[in-house]
């Protein structure tokens, strides 16, 4: 992995505040997407972080409000943690845990402030709801008659959850609420 370490060395030269700091992260993230192992890049949501930055820049959502500055700081911190993981040759799991925690905090804040969500999250939420409801229905049917109804209820819950989630995700995509 030949990563351009000059980006890491120059990150103190980013302008203080403003969109330029986030815009400067796009190139190193694109480089990481290409150089990371695909499985590791997916696990670390590198592409989603890149998509988030691109959406924030395209929609010009970063301004001088406190919430925008907090999100900008969280993006910078998450990016630096990702660079640390990328440069780590020993595979330190603690760094990955810290990164994931920072990434999840960033996603929650972006959802709260800008009402943006990662692609696939809406469908996953509805699938989880469908599984819960399907399990309840399956349990009720199983106790009344046969234990095979448990799997039928679970299957129905998954199907309904995924189909409703898929519809809601398409609506969110059309509304521009996904990244």
Foldseek 3Di string as FASTA:
>chain_A
DDQDCVCVVCLVVQDDDDLSNLVSLLVSLVVCCVPPDVVVCVVLVSVQLNVVSVLCVVVVVQDPDPLSNVLVVLSVVLSNLVVVCVPDPVNDVVSSVVSVVSVVVSQVSCCVPVVAHAQPPQLVVLLVVLQVQLQVVQVVVCVVPNNVSNVVSNVRSNVVSNVVSVVVSVVCVVVVRYD
